Amino acid sequence: MNIYEVPSIHTSFKIFKQKMNHIWEEYNYLNNVIKNSKREPYSLENLHSNNTLKKSKNDAGGMYNKFLRSENTKNHFIDAISTFEDYISKLSVFVYKSYPQKLQGASNDKVFDVILKYQTKDDMINFIAEEKVRSIFYGNPADIFLKDKCQFGLKDTFSAKYEKLIELYKEITGRRNIIIHNSGRVDNKYLKENPASSFILNRKITISQDYLRGTIALLIGIAAITTEVVIKRIYKGKVGGKLKESIDTFKKCHDKNWYENLLNK
């Protein structure tokens, strides 16, 4: 085992948490700034020429309403999920660099392409690890935590006690997917993957402030528990600092149904 990776993993989690907190703070800051702003005419540079368009007060009012009604929450919701997925991918790279044998199962064609493209072992592992995690996120991301698809040593960590929270995470990713791929309208794929949802086909969904808040909080918690398992079970290390703080917060929030209360509104 490479115990020297543990401080780096702690630092990586600390940076991830800072980014997630920044997403929430930025959302609130922009909301307050726009709410208190005046709807004034503004200039808009043309994308395809050097011309500048003059926009009216009515245009400003339309942007104001759209931003506060949906765009601010939607943009930060997508950003939070991307930041979480990026962190889980980085965590997997730590593990695969220490234990390359966990990458067994990659296709021979893929491995041959990587050998030709990259010169160092670390570069090869980085690429294969990122591809492996990306393929899981494109499929059923809940499998990372319920079936330990990234080989983090999770076993039944989530399935035994936190399966309902992973179902919430699954619904979160489903919402993100229909926002990106179906203009925010509920499709059959979402309904099939989230049978308990109260949404109906073709309904336009929005992300509320509470839903964004619950999403960011839950993703920090899932990342914290996953990181704890990696440090303790794979590296035989200890947790502390911001990671320990986040683990304790996650457990308290779980016990008082904090995530469900925010995400089921």
C-alpha atoms as a PDB file:
ATOM      1  CA  MET A   1       0.000   0.000   0.000  1.00  0.00           C
ATOM      2  CA  ASN A   2       1.104   3.591  -0.570  1.00  0.00           C
ATOM      3  CA  ILE A   3       0.330   5.340   2.715  1.00  0.00           C
ATOM      4  CA  TYR A   4       1.901   8.516   1.335  1.00  0.00           C
ATOM      5  CA  GLU A   5      -1.188   9.035  -0.851  1.00  0.00           C
ATOM      6  CA  VAL A   6      -3.379   9.663   2.217  1.00  0.00           C
ATOM      7  CA  PRO A   7      -2.371  13.335   2.770  1.00  0.00           C
ATOM      8  CA  SER A   8      -2.890  13.980  -0.951  1.00  0.00           C
ATOM      9  CA  ILE A   9      -6.364  12.446  -0.785  1.00  0.00           C
ATOM     10  CA  HIS A  10      -7.196  14.623   2.230  1.00  0.00           C
ATOM     11  CA  THR A  11      -6.056  17.695   0.304  1.00  0.00           C
ATOM     12  CA  SER A  12      -8.027  16.668  -2.774  1.00  0.00           C
ATOM     13  CA  PHE A  13     -11.192  16.315  -0.689  1.00  0.00           C
ATOM     14  CA  LYS A  14     -10.590  19.675   0.990  1.00  0.00           C
ATOM     15  CA  ILE A  15     -10.327  21.365  -2.426  1.00  0.00           C
ATOM     16  CA  PHE A  16     -13.461  19.573  -3.628  1.00  0.00           C
ATOM     17  CA  LYS A  17     -15.440  20.739  -0.599  1.00  0.00           C
ATOM     18  CA  GLN A  18     -14.223  24.311  -1.101  1.00  0.00           C
ATOM     19  CA  LYS A  19     -15.442  24.195  -4.697  1.00  0.00           C
ATOM     20  CA  MET A  20     -18.862  22.892  -3.655  1.00  0.00           C
ATOM     21  CA  ASN A  21     -19.209  25.555  -0.960  1.00  0.00           C
ATOM     22  CA  HIS A  22     -18.201  28.166  -3.531  1.00  0.00           C
ATOM     23  CA  ILE A  23     -20.949  26.975  -5.904  1.00  0.00           C
ATOM     24  CA  TRP A  24     -23.552  27.495  -3.170  1.00  0.00           C
ATOM     25  CA  GLU A  25     -22.137  30.859  -2.133  1.00  0.00           C
ATOM     26  CA  GLU A  26     -21.895  32.075  -5.724  1.00  0.00           C
ATOM     27  CA  TYR A  27     -25.513  31.072  -6.357  1.00  0.00           C
ATOM     28  CA  ASN A  28     -26.676  33.101  -3.351  1.00  0.00           C
ATOM     29  CA  TYR A  29     -24.464  36.060  -4.220  1.00  0.00           C
ATOM     30  CA  LEU A  30     -25.764  36.264  -7.786  1.00  0.00           C
ATOM     31  CA  ASN A  31     -29.344  35.860  -6.617  1.00  0.00           C
ATOM     32  CA  ASN A  32     -28.982  38.793  -4.215  1.00  0.00           C
ATOM     33  CA  VAL A  33     -27.153  40.983  -6.733  1.00  0.00           C
ATOM     34  CA  ILE A  34     -29.721  40.433  -9.487  1.00  0.00           C
ATOM     35  CA  LYS A  35     -32.692  40.875  -7.138  1.00  0.00           C
ATOM     36  CA  ASN A  36     -31.340  44.256  -6.051  1.00  0.00           C
ATOM     37  CA  SER A  37     -30.336  45.414  -9.527  1.00  0.00           C
ATOM     38  CA  LYS A  38     -32.161  47.906 -11.748  1.00  0.00           C
ATOM     39  CA  ARG A  39     -33.599  46.778 -15.064  1.00  0.00           C
ATOM     40  CA  GLU A  40     -31.668  49.152 -17.318  1.00  0.00           C
ATOM     41  CA  PRO A  41     -30.921  49.095 -21.067  1.00  0.00           C
ATOM     42  CA  TYR A  42     -27.673  47.323 -21.877  1.00  0.00           C
ATOM     43  CA  SER A  43     -25.313  46.653 -24.788  1.00  0.00           C
ATOM     44  CA  LEU A  44     -24.743  43.217 -26.305  1.00  0.00           C
ATOM     45  CA  GLU A  45     -21.825  42.457 -28.619  1.00  0.00           C
ATOM     46  CA  ASN A  46     -22.763  40.429 -31.688  1.00  0.00           C
ATOM     47  CA  LEU A  47     -21.251  36.940 -31.765  1.00  0.00           C
ATOM     48  CA  HIS A  48     -20.497  37.039 -35.492  1.00  0.00           C
ATOM     49  CA  SER A  49     -19.472  40.615 -36.203  1.00  0.00           C
ATOM     50  CA  ASN A  50     -18.152  43.785 -34.556  1.00  0.00           C
ATOM     51  CA  ASN A  51     -21.651  45.196 -34.222  1.00  0.00           C
ATOM     52  CA  THR A  52     -23.137  46.011 -30.825  1.00  0.00           C
ATOM     53  CA  LEU A  53     -26.835  45.532 -30.148  1.00  0.00           C
ATOM     54  CA  LYS A  54     -28.818  47.876 -27.927  1.00  0.00           C
ATOM     55  CA  LYS A  55     -31.125  46.047 -25.530  1.00  0.00           C
ATOM     56  CA  SER A  56     -34.120  47.720 -23.866  1.00  0.00           C
ATOM     57  CA  LYS A  57     -35.473  47.818 -20.315  1.00  0.00           C
ATOM     58  CA  ASN A  58     -37.979  45.158 -21.352  1.00  0.00           C
ATOM     59  CA  ASP A  59     -35.117  42.922 -22.497  1.00  0.00           C
ATOM     60  CA  ALA A  60     -33.410  43.486 -19.162  1.00  0.00           C
ATOM     61  CA  GLY A  61     -36.617  42.583 -17.346  1.00  0.00           C
ATOM     62  CA  GLY A  62     -36.891  39.354 -19.312  1.00  0.00           C
ATOM     63  CA  MET A  63     -33.329  38.388 -18.452  1.00  0.00           C
ATOM     64  CA  TYR A  64     -33.953  39.315 -14.820  1.00  0.00           C
ATOM     65  CA  ASN A  65     -37.022  37.094 -14.542  1.00  0.00           C
ATOM     66  CA  LYS A  66     -35.482  34.139 -16.384  1.00  0.00           C
ATOM     67  CA  PHE A  67     -32.312  34.255 -14.317  1.00  0.00           C
ATOM     68  CA  LEU A  68     -34.096  34.328 -10.964  1.00  0.00           C
ATOM     69  CA  ARG A  69     -36.819  31.880 -11.954  1.00  0.00           C
ATOM     70  CA  SER A  70     -34.631  29.085 -13.275  1.00  0.00           C
ATOM     71  CA  GLU A  71     -31.247  29.831 -14.827  1.00  0.00           C
ATOM     72  CA  ASN A  72     -29.249  30.544 -11.677  1.00  0.00           C
ATOM     73  CA  THR A  73     -30.320  27.372  -9.874  1.00  0.00           C
ATOM     74  CA  LYS A  74     -30.044  25.254 -13.039  1.00  0.00           C
ATOM     75  CA  ASN A  75     -26.512  26.390 -13.866  1.00  0.00           C
ATOM     76  CA  HIS A  76     -25.197  25.846 -10.343  1.00  0.00           C
ATOM     77  CA  PHE A  77     -27.010  22.491 -10.089  1.00  0.00           C
ATOM     78  CA  ILE A  78     -25.204  21.234 -13.198  1.00  0.00           C
ATOM     79  CA  ASP A  79     -21.912  22.670 -11.952  1.00  0.00           C
ATOM     80  CA  ALA A  80     -22.249  20.881  -8.592  1.00  0.00           C
ATOM     81  CA  ILE A  81     -22.813  17.479 -10.200  1.00  0.00           C
ATOM     82  CA  SER A  82     -19.892  17.960 -12.598  1.00  0.00           C
ATOM     83  CA  THR A  83     -17.623  18.947  -9.692  1.00  0.00           C
ATOM     84  CA  PHE A  84     -18.692  15.851  -7.750  1.00  0.00           C
ATOM     85  CA  GLU A  85     -18.092  13.531 -10.707  1.00  0.00           C
ATOM     86  CA  ASP A  86     -14.693  15.094 -11.281  1.00  0.00           C
ATOM     87  CA  TYR A  87     -13.749  14.447  -7.644  1.00  0.00           C
ATOM     88  CA  ILE A  88     -14.861  10.799  -7.740  1.00  0.00           C
ATOM     89  CA  SER A  89     -12.819  10.381 -10.921  1.00  0.00           C
ATOM     90  CA  LYS A  90      -9.740  11.877  -9.213  1.00  0.00           C
ATOM     91  CA  LEU A  91     -10.256   9.578  -6.220  1.00  0.00           C
ATOM     92  CA  SER A  92     -10.320   6.569  -8.536  1.00  0.00           C
ATOM     93  CA  VAL A  93      -7.025   7.692 -10.116  1.00  0.00           C
ATOM     94  CA  PHE A  94      -5.387   7.697  -6.665  1.00  0.00           C
ATOM     95  CA  VAL A  95      -6.546   4.111  -6.134  1.00  0.00           C
ATOM     96  CA  TYR A  96      -5.628   2.832  -9.594  1.00  0.00           C
ATOM     97  CA  LYS A  97      -2.171   4.410  -9.450  1.00  0.00           C
ATOM     98  CA  SER A  98      -1.516   2.597  -6.176  1.00  0.00           C
ATOM     99  CA  TYR A  99      -3.149  -0.646  -7.341  1.00  0.00           C
ATOM    100  CA  PRO A 100      -3.013  -0.861 -11.167  1.00  0.00           C
ATOM    101  CA  GLN A 101      -4.325  -4.427 -11.004  1.00  0.00           C
ATOM    102  CA  LYS A 102      -7.748  -2.978 -10.209  1.00  0.00           C
ATOM    103  CA  LEU A 103      -7.863  -1.789 -13.817  1.00  0.00           C
ATOM    104  CA  GLN A 104      -7.894  -5.344 -15.144  1.00  0.00           C
ATOM    105  CA  GLY A 105     -10.740  -5.859 -17.556  1.00  0.00           C
ATOM    106  CA  ALA A 106      -9.980  -2.991 -19.932  1.00  0.00           C
ATOM    107  CA  SER A 107     -10.218  -4.142 -23.553  1.00  0.00           C
ATOM    108  CA  ASN A 108      -6.996  -5.120 -25.330  1.00  0.00           C
ATOM    109  CA  ASP A 109      -7.668  -2.594 -28.094  1.00  0.00           C
ATOM    110  CA  LYS A 110      -8.053   0.195 -25.540  1.00  0.00           C
ATOM    111  CA  VAL A 111      -4.845  -0.793 -23.739  1.00  0.00           C
ATOM    112  CA  PHE A 112      -2.911  -0.955 -27.020  1.00  0.00           C
ATOM    113  CA  ASP A 113      -4.124   2.518 -28.008  1.00  0.00           C
ATOM    114  CA  VAL A 114      -3.045   3.893 -24.640  1.00  0.00           C
ATOM    115  CA  ILE A 115       0.420   2.324 -24.911  1.00  0.00           C
ATOM    116  CA  LEU A 116       0.909   4.019 -28.270  1.00  0.00           C
ATOM    117  CA  LYS A 117      -0.414   7.372 -27.099  1.00  0.00           C
ATOM    118  CA  TYR A 118       1.219   7.816 -23.686  1.00  0.00           C
ATOM    119  CA  GLN A 119       4.841   7.509 -22.598  1.00  0.00           C
ATOM    120  CA  THR A 120       4.621   7.061 -18.823  1.00  0.00           C
ATOM    121  CA  LYS A 121       2.839   4.576 -16.608  1.00  0.00           C
ATOM    122  CA  ASP A 122       1.080   7.362 -14.670  1.00  0.00           C
ATOM    123  CA  ASP A 123      -0.282   8.915 -17.872  1.00  0.00           C
ATOM    124  CA  MET A 124      -1.609   5.540 -19.000  1.00  0.00           C
ATOM    125  CA  ILE A 125      -3.274   4.852 -15.668  1.00  0.00           C
ATOM    126  CA  ASN A 126      -4.776   8.354 -15.578  1.00  0.00           C
ATOM    127  CA  PHE A 127      -6.350   7.882 -18.988  1.00  0.00           C
ATOM    128  CA  ILE A 128      -7.724   4.378 -18.387  1.00  0.00           C
ATOM    129  CA  ALA A 129      -9.041   5.326 -14.932  1.00  0.00           C
ATOM    130  CA  GLU A 130     -10.833   8.416 -16.242  1.00  0.00           C
ATOM    131  CA  GLU A 131     -12.344   6.408 -19.104  1.00  0.00           C
ATOM    132  CA  LYS A 132     -13.509   3.703 -16.695  1.00  0.00           C
ATOM    133  CA  VAL A 133     -15.224   6.161 -14.348  1.00  0.00           C
ATOM    134  CA  ARG A 134     -16.695   8.168 -17.228  1.00  0.00           C
ATOM    135  CA  SER A 135     -18.298   5.029 -18.667  1.00  0.00           C
ATOM    136  CA  ILE A 136     -19.921   4.308 -15.288  1.00  0.00           C
ATOM    137  CA  PHE A 137     -21.288   7.852 -14.968  1.00  0.00           C
ATOM    138  CA  TYR A 138     -22.735   7.539 -18.468  1.00  0.00           C
ATOM    139  CA  GLY A 139     -24.479   4.331 -17.416  1.00  0.00           C
ATOM    140  CA  ASN A 140     -25.868   4.032 -13.892  1.00  0.00           C
ATOM    141  CA  PRO A 141     -23.784   6.211 -11.534  1.00  0.00           C
ATOM    142  CA  ALA A 142     -25.500   4.691  -8.495  1.00  0.00           C
ATOM    143  CA  ASP A 143     -23.547   1.489  -9.265  1.00  0.00           C
ATOM    144  CA  ILE A 144     -20.354   3.236  -8.157  1.00  0.00           C
ATOM    145  CA  PHE A 145     -21.696   3.304  -4.619  1.00  0.00           C
ATOM    146  CA  LEU A 146     -24.058   0.306  -4.482  1.00  0.00           C
ATOM    147  CA  LYS A 147     -21.962  -2.143  -6.544  1.00  0.00           C
ATOM    148  CA  ASP A 148     -18.517  -0.613  -5.964  1.00  0.00           C
ATOM    149  CA  LYS A 149     -17.827  -0.337  -9.691  1.00  0.00           C
ATOM    150  CA  CYS A 150     -14.702   1.744  -9.038  1.00  0.00           C
ATOM    151  CA  GLN A 151     -13.341  -0.819  -6.547  1.00  0.00           C
ATOM    152  CA  PHE A 152     -13.112   1.636  -3.688  1.00  0.00           C
ATOM    153  CA  GLY A 153     -13.643  -1.159  -1.144  1.00  0.00           C
ATOM    154  CA  LEU A 154     -17.149   0.123  -0.359  1.00  0.00           C
ATOM    155  CA  LYS A 155     -18.728  -3.320   0.073  1.00  0.00           C
ATOM    156  CA  ASP A 156     -22.146  -2.607   1.646  1.00  0.00           C
ATOM    157  CA  THR A 157     -21.259   0.843   3.015  1.00  0.00           C
ATOM    158  CA  PHE A 158     -24.092   2.523   1.136  1.00  0.00           C
ATOM    159  CA  SER A 159     -26.445  -0.372   0.455  1.00  0.00           C
ATOM    160  CA  ALA A 160     -26.690  -1.325   4.140  1.00  0.00           C
ATOM    161  CA  LYS A 161     -27.533   2.082   5.590  1.00  0.00           C
ATOM    162  CA  TYR A 162     -27.657   4.812   2.954  1.00  0.00           C
ATOM    163  CA  GLU A 163     -29.445   3.208   0.019  1.00  0.00           C
ATOM    164  CA  LYS A 164     -32.292   5.744   0.166  1.00  0.00           C
ATOM    165  CA  LEU A 165     -29.751   8.550  -0.171  1.00  0.00           C
ATOM    166  CA  ILE A 166     -28.229   6.873  -3.222  1.00  0.00           C
ATOM    167  CA  GLU A 167     -31.744   6.729  -4.688  1.00  0.00           C
ATOM    168  CA  LEU A 168     -31.918  10.490  -4.163  1.00  0.00           C
ATOM    169  CA  TYR A 169     -28.535  10.816  -5.874  1.00  0.00           C
ATOM    170  CA  LYS A 170     -29.828   8.717  -8.767  1.00  0.00           C
ATOM    171  CA  GLU A 171     -32.808  11.061  -9.124  1.00  0.00           C
ATOM    172  CA  ILE A 172     -30.482  14.071  -9.019  1.00  0.00           C
ATOM    173  CA  THR A 173     -28.455  12.735 -11.946  1.00  0.00           C
ATOM    174  CA  GLY A 174     -31.691  11.925 -13.772  1.00  0.00           C
ATOM    175  CA  ARG A 175     -32.796  15.550 -13.483  1.00  0.00           C
ATOM    176  CA  ARG A 176     -29.414  16.748 -14.693  1.00  0.00           C
ATOM    177  CA  ASN A 177     -29.657  14.484 -17.729  1.00  0.00           C
ATOM    178  CA  ILE A 178     -33.083  15.709 -18.822  1.00  0.00           C
ATOM    179  CA  ILE A 179     -32.004  19.332 -18.339  1.00  0.00           C
ATOM    180  CA  ILE A 180     -29.008  18.789 -20.612  1.00  0.00           C
ATOM    181  CA  HIS A 181     -30.426  16.320 -23.123  1.00  0.00           C
ATOM    182  CA  ASN A 182     -34.182  17.009 -23.223  1.00  0.00           C
ATOM    183  CA  SER A 183     -34.549  20.754 -22.625  1.00  0.00           C
ATOM    184  CA  GLY A 184     -35.577  20.098 -19.027  1.00  0.00           C
ATOM    185  CA  ARG A 185     -38.655  18.052 -19.935  1.00  0.00           C
ATOM    186  CA  VAL A 186     -39.348  14.716 -18.259  1.00  0.00           C
ATOM    187  CA  ASP A 187     -38.774  11.785 -20.622  1.00  0.00           C
ATOM    188  CA  ASN A 188     -39.477   8.060 -20.500  1.00  0.00           C
ATOM    189  CA  LYS A 189     -35.910   7.217 -19.491  1.00  0.00           C
ATOM    190  CA  TYR A 190     -36.189   9.408 -16.392  1.00  0.00           C
ATOM    191  CA  LEU A 191     -39.556   7.897 -15.423  1.00  0.00           C
ATOM    192  CA  LYS A 192     -38.264   4.358 -15.915  1.00  0.00           C
ATOM    193  CA  GLU A 193     -35.209   5.003 -13.744  1.00  0.00           C
ATOM    194  CA  ASN A 194     -37.185   6.923 -11.088  1.00  0.00           C
ATOM    195  CA  PRO A 195     -40.532   5.093 -10.745  1.00  0.00           C
ATOM    196  CA  ALA A 196     -41.333   6.826  -7.439  1.00  0.00           C
ATOM    197  CA  SER A 197     -41.201  10.274  -9.032  1.00  0.00           C
ATOM    198  CA  SER A 198     -44.376  12.361  -9.084  1.00  0.00           C
ATOM    199  CA  PHE A 199     -43.368  13.995 -12.378  1.00  0.00           C
ATOM    200  CA  ILE A 200     -45.368  13.257 -15.517  1.00  0.00           C
ATOM    201  CA  LEU A 201     -44.099  12.821 -19.065  1.00  0.00           C
ATOM    202  CA  ASN A 202     -43.055  16.046 -20.849  1.00  0.00           C
ATOM    203  CA  ARG A 203     -43.416  18.174 -17.728  1.00  0.00           C
ATOM    204  CA  LYS A 204     -40.895  21.009 -17.591  1.00  0.00           C
ATOM    205  CA  ILE A 205     -38.952  20.788 -14.354  1.00  0.00           C
ATOM    206  CA  THR A 206     -37.157  23.533 -12.477  1.00  0.00           C
ATOM    207  CA  ILE A 207     -34.562  23.308  -9.729  1.00  0.00           C
ATOM    208  CA  SER A 208     -35.657  25.052  -6.552  1.00  0.00           C
ATOM    209  CA  GLN A 209     -33.263  26.691  -4.116  1.00  0.00           C
ATOM    210  CA  ASP A 210     -33.945  23.942  -1.571  1.00  0.00           C
ATOM    211  CA  TYR A 211     -33.293  21.250  -4.176  1.00  0.00           C
ATOM    212  CA  LEU A 212     -29.971  22.864  -5.113  1.00  0.00           C
ATOM    213  CA  ARG A 213     -29.064  23.158  -1.440  1.00  0.00           C
ATOM    214  CA  GLY A 214     -29.908  19.513  -0.801  1.00  0.00           C
ATOM    215  CA  THR A 215     -27.989  18.397  -3.885  1.00  0.00           C
ATOM    216  CA  ILE A 216     -24.774  20.148  -2.879  1.00  0.00           C
ATOM    217  CA  ALA A 217     -25.018  18.967   0.721  1.00  0.00           C
ATOM    218  CA  LEU A 218     -25.718  15.351  -0.254  1.00  0.00           C
ATOM    219  CA  LEU A 219     -22.926  15.173  -2.821  1.00  0.00           C
ATOM    220  CA  ILE A 220     -20.411  16.464  -0.269  1.00  0.00           C
ATOM    221  CA  GLY A 221     -21.604  13.771   2.140  1.00  0.00           C
ATOM    222  CA  ILE A 222     -21.428  10.914  -0.365  1.00  0.00           C
ATOM    223  CA  ALA A 223     -17.930  12.011  -1.369  1.00  0.00           C
ATOM    224  CA  ALA A 224     -16.872  12.183   2.291  1.00  0.00           C
ATOM    225  CA  ILE A 225     -18.072   8.655   3.125  1.00  0.00           C
ATOM    226  CA  THR A 226     -16.490   7.247  -0.041  1.00  0.00           C
ATOM    227  CA  THR A 227     -13.198   8.952   0.743  1.00  0.00           C
ATOM    228  CA  GLU A 228     -13.269   7.648   4.311  1.00  0.00           C
ATOM    229  CA  VAL A 229     -13.647   4.082   3.063  1.00  0.00           C
ATOM    230  CA  VAL A 230     -10.797   4.486   0.562  1.00  0.00           C
ATOM    231  CA  ILE A 231      -8.430   5.874   3.207  1.00  0.00           C
ATOM    232  CA  LYS A 232      -9.301   3.313   5.871  1.00  0.00           C
ATOM    233  CA  ARG A 233      -9.794   0.133   3.849  1.00  0.00           C
ATOM    234  CA  ILE A 234      -7.395   0.578   0.951  1.00  0.00           C
ATOM    235  CA  TYR A 235      -4.622   2.683   2.475  1.00  0.00           C
ATOM    236  CA  LYS A 236      -5.116   1.704   6.143  1.00  0.00           C
ATOM    237  CA  GLY A 237      -4.872   5.377   7.022  1.00  0.00           C
ATOM    238  CA  LYS A 238      -6.692   7.747   9.354  1.00  0.00           C
ATOM    239  CA  VAL A 239      -9.222  10.461   8.629  1.00  0.00           C
ATOM    240  CA  GLY A 240      -9.248  13.902  10.184  1.00  0.00           C
ATOM    241  CA  GLY A 241      -9.613  17.601   9.446  1.00  0.00           C
ATOM    242  CA  LYS A 242     -12.216  18.733   6.920  1.00  0.00           C
ATOM    243  CA  LEU A 243     -12.911  15.160   5.890  1.00  0.00           C
ATOM    244  CA  LYS A 244     -13.773  14.042   9.433  1.00  0.00           C
ATOM    245  CA  GLU A 245     -15.902  17.153   9.842  1.00  0.00           C
ATOM    246  CA  SER A 246     -17.824  16.350   6.659  1.00  0.00           C
ATOM    247  CA  ILE A 247     -18.339  12.710   7.679  1.00  0.00           C
ATOM    248  CA  ASP A 248     -19.808  13.743  11.031  1.00  0.00           C
ATOM    249  CA  THR A 249     -22.057  16.313   9.346  1.00  0.00           C
ATOM    250  CA  PHE A 250     -23.267  13.733   6.831  1.00  0.00           C
ATOM    251  CA  LYS A 251     -24.242  11.278   9.560  1.00  0.00           C
ATOM    252  CA  LYS A 252     -26.085  13.941  11.572  1.00  0.00           C
ATOM    253  CA  CYS A 253     -27.960  15.121   8.491  1.00  0.00           C
ATOM    254  CA  HIS A 254     -28.859  11.550   7.599  1.00  0.00           C
ATOM    255  CA  ASP A 255     -30.186  10.863  11.065  1.00  0.00           C
ATOM    256  CA  LYS A 256     -32.497  13.904  11.003  1.00  0.00           C
ATOM    257  CA  ASN A 257     -33.611  13.314   7.367  1.00  0.00           C
ATOM    258  CA  TRP A 258     -32.106  16.623   6.263  1.00  0.00           C
ATOM    259  CA  TYR A 259     -31.419  15.511   2.702  1.00  0.00           C
ATOM    260  CA  GLU A 260     -34.846  13.946   2.187  1.00  0.00           C
ATOM    261  CA  ASN A 261     -36.570  17.054   3.519  1.00  0.00           C
ATOM    262  CA  LEU A 262     -34.775  19.294   1.020  1.00  0.00           C
ATOM    263  CA  LEU A 263     -34.821  16.985  -1.997  1.00  0.00           C
ATOM    264  CA  ASN A 264     -38.417  15.776  -1.701  1.00  0.00           C
ATOM    265  CA  LYS A 265     -39.924  19.284  -1.703  1.00  0.00           C
END
